Protein backbone atom coordinates (compact mmCIF):
# COMPACT_ATOMS: atom_id res chain seq x y z
CA MET A 1 -26.46 -15.63 -58.62
CA ALA A 2 -27.18 -12.93 -61.19
CA LEU A 3 -27.37 -10.05 -58.72
CA LYS A 4 -24.24 -11.05 -56.84
CA HIS A 5 -22.39 -11.64 -60.10
CA LEU A 6 -23.24 -8.16 -61.35
CA ALA A 7 -22.38 -6.52 -58.05
CA LYS A 8 -18.99 -8.21 -57.81
CA ARG A 9 -17.83 -7.23 -61.27
CA VAL A 10 -14.39 -5.71 -60.99
CA ASP A 11 -13.52 -4.69 -64.53
CA SER A 12 -16.29 -2.38 -65.65
CA PRO A 13 -16.51 -1.99 -69.43
CA PRO A 14 -16.31 1.56 -70.73
CA HIS A 15 -20.01 1.65 -71.65
CA ILE A 16 -21.07 1.48 -67.98
CA MET A 17 -21.58 4.82 -66.29
CA PHE A 18 -21.86 5.24 -62.55
CA ALA A 19 -24.84 7.37 -61.57
CA ARG A 20 -24.24 6.83 -57.82
CA PRO A 21 -21.72 4.71 -55.97
CA ASP A 22 -24.36 2.06 -55.18
CA ARG A 23 -26.03 1.95 -58.63
CA ARG A 24 -24.86 1.46 -62.17
CA THR A 25 -26.58 2.65 -65.29
CA VAL A 26 -26.03 0.26 -68.18
CA LYS A 27 -26.43 1.31 -71.81
CA GLY A 28 -27.07 -0.74 -74.91
CA ASP A 29 -27.21 -4.53 -75.10
CA GLU A 30 -25.54 -4.93 -71.72
CA GLY A 31 -28.58 -3.25 -70.15
CA GLU A 32 -30.92 -5.79 -71.72
CA VAL A 33 -28.73 -8.66 -70.50
CA ALA A 34 -28.68 -7.19 -66.99
CA LYS A 35 -32.46 -6.83 -67.02
CA MET A 36 -32.84 -10.40 -68.22
CA ARG A 37 -30.52 -11.70 -65.48
CA LEU A 38 -32.38 -9.68 -62.87
CA ARG A 39 -35.70 -11.08 -64.10
CA GLU A 40 -34.29 -14.63 -63.90
CA ALA A 41 -33.12 -14.02 -60.34
CA ILE A 42 -36.55 -12.70 -59.37
CA ASP A 43 -38.25 -15.70 -61.02
CA GLN A 44 -35.97 -18.08 -59.09
CA GLU A 45 -36.75 -16.31 -55.83
CA GLU A 46 -40.50 -16.48 -56.54
CA ALA A 47 -40.20 -20.22 -57.32
CA LEU A 48 -38.41 -20.79 -54.01
CA LEU A 49 -41.13 -18.89 -52.16
CA ARG A 50 -43.81 -21.05 -53.83
CA LYS A 51 -41.92 -24.19 -52.77
CA LYS A 52 -41.64 -22.88 -49.21
CA ASP A 53 -45.39 -22.23 -49.11
CA ALA A 54 -46.07 -25.76 -50.39
CA VAL A 55 -43.83 -27.29 -47.70
CA ILE A 56 -45.49 -25.22 -44.97
CA SER A 57 -48.91 -26.32 -46.22
CA MET A 58 -47.79 -29.96 -46.26
CA LEU A 59 -46.41 -29.72 -42.70
CA SER A 60 -49.60 -28.07 -41.52
CA GLY A 61 -51.60 -30.92 -43.03
CA TRP A 62 -49.32 -33.47 -41.34
CA ARG A 63 -49.82 -31.77 -37.96
CA GLU A 64 -53.58 -31.83 -38.40
CA PHE A 65 -53.47 -35.50 -39.45
CA ALA A 66 -51.33 -36.40 -36.42
CA ALA A 67 -53.52 -34.41 -34.01
CA ASN A 68 -56.66 -36.16 -35.29
CA HIS A 69 -55.12 -39.59 -34.77
CA VAL A 70 -53.85 -38.83 -31.26
CA ALA A 71 -57.23 -37.30 -30.33
CA ARG A 72 -58.84 -40.71 -30.91
CA LEU A 73 -56.88 -42.22 -28.03
CA THR A 74 -58.43 -42.71 -24.62
CA THR A 75 -56.92 -41.07 -21.56
CA ARG A 76 -55.30 -44.36 -20.48
CA GLN A 77 -53.90 -44.92 -23.97
CA ARG A 78 -52.39 -41.43 -24.01
CA GLU A 79 -50.87 -42.07 -20.59
CA ILE A 80 -49.35 -45.36 -21.79
CA MET A 81 -48.19 -43.75 -25.05
CA GLU A 82 -46.38 -41.08 -23.06
CA LEU A 83 -44.60 -43.71 -20.97
CA VAL A 84 -43.75 -45.82 -24.01
CA LEU A 85 -42.31 -42.80 -25.80
CA ALA A 86 -40.34 -41.96 -22.66
CA GLY A 87 -38.61 -45.32 -23.15
CA TYR A 88 -40.14 -47.42 -20.40
CA GLN A 89 -40.71 -51.16 -20.90
CA SER A 90 -44.18 -52.67 -20.68
CA LYS A 91 -43.45 -54.44 -17.38
CA ILE A 92 -42.25 -51.16 -15.80
CA ILE A 93 -45.34 -49.32 -17.06
CA ALA A 94 -47.57 -52.12 -15.74
CA ALA A 95 -45.97 -51.99 -12.29
CA HIS A 96 -46.28 -48.19 -12.19
CA LEU A 97 -49.95 -48.16 -13.22
CA GLY A 98 -50.95 -51.23 -11.22
CA ILE A 99 -52.15 -53.22 -14.24
CA SER A 100 -50.86 -56.37 -15.90
CA ARG A 101 -48.12 -56.38 -18.54
CA ARG A 102 -50.57 -57.97 -20.97
CA THR A 103 -53.01 -55.06 -20.49
CA VAL A 104 -50.22 -52.61 -21.27
CA GLU A 105 -49.38 -54.60 -24.42
CA ASN A 106 -53.06 -54.55 -25.45
CA HIS A 107 -53.13 -50.78 -24.96
CA ARG A 108 -49.91 -50.44 -26.99
CA ALA A 109 -51.45 -52.50 -29.80
CA ALA A 110 -54.58 -50.32 -29.74
CA ILE A 111 -52.43 -47.18 -29.80
CA MET A 112 -50.51 -48.42 -32.83
CA LYS A 113 -53.74 -49.36 -34.62
CA LYS A 114 -55.59 -46.10 -33.85
CA THR A 115 -52.65 -43.92 -34.87
CA GLY A 116 -51.81 -46.00 -37.93
CA SER A 117 -48.20 -46.35 -36.77
CA LYS A 118 -46.31 -49.44 -37.87
CA SER A 119 -43.34 -48.93 -35.56
CA LEU A 120 -42.24 -47.09 -32.45
CA PRO A 121 -40.23 -44.51 -34.48
CA ALA A 122 -43.35 -43.84 -36.58
CA LEU A 123 -45.36 -43.33 -33.39
CA THR A 124 -42.65 -40.98 -32.13
CA ARG A 125 -42.79 -38.91 -35.34
CA LEU A 126 -46.56 -38.73 -35.04
CA ALA A 127 -46.36 -37.62 -31.40
CA LEU A 128 -43.74 -34.98 -32.21
CA ALA A 129 -45.88 -33.66 -35.05
CA THR A 130 -48.69 -33.03 -32.55
CA GLY A 131 -46.36 -30.98 -30.38
CA TRP A 132 -45.86 -33.70 -27.78
CA ASN A 133 -42.93 -32.85 -25.53
CA ASN A 134 -42.09 -35.27 -22.77
CA ASP A 135 -39.93 -34.14 -19.87
CA PRO A 136 -37.12 -36.74 -19.75
CA ASP A 137 -36.18 -35.70 -16.19
CA ARG A 138 -39.64 -36.43 -14.87
CA PRO A 139 -39.48 -39.49 -12.62
CA LEU A 140 -41.78 -42.40 -13.24
């Protein structure tokens, strides 16, 4: 705000001299105010950069957490998780894999327990955090 405000000033007081067209030299108390505003703008920018770094660190930790939980799954559980996240019902998954619907439901329960997911949207968020990307056009 401070830098843009100073740059957009239309009515320049008489105590401002123009050294070059792109820079102004300020004398007296106005110079101290300008320096203070510039320092505040720099402090705000540094605070935003610190927040950005904290968010990136948090997201990195979330990715690692998600990857560790998905790594615990067996090959069959990952296969069933992929089909569940693709939107297929348990009976369709069972018919495709040649197992019973109850076995698919047991695998789903184990997936939810191992990943710590309480719902399908939570499982989806976890899978997306690991970089999972299902091809929706892929036929079952």
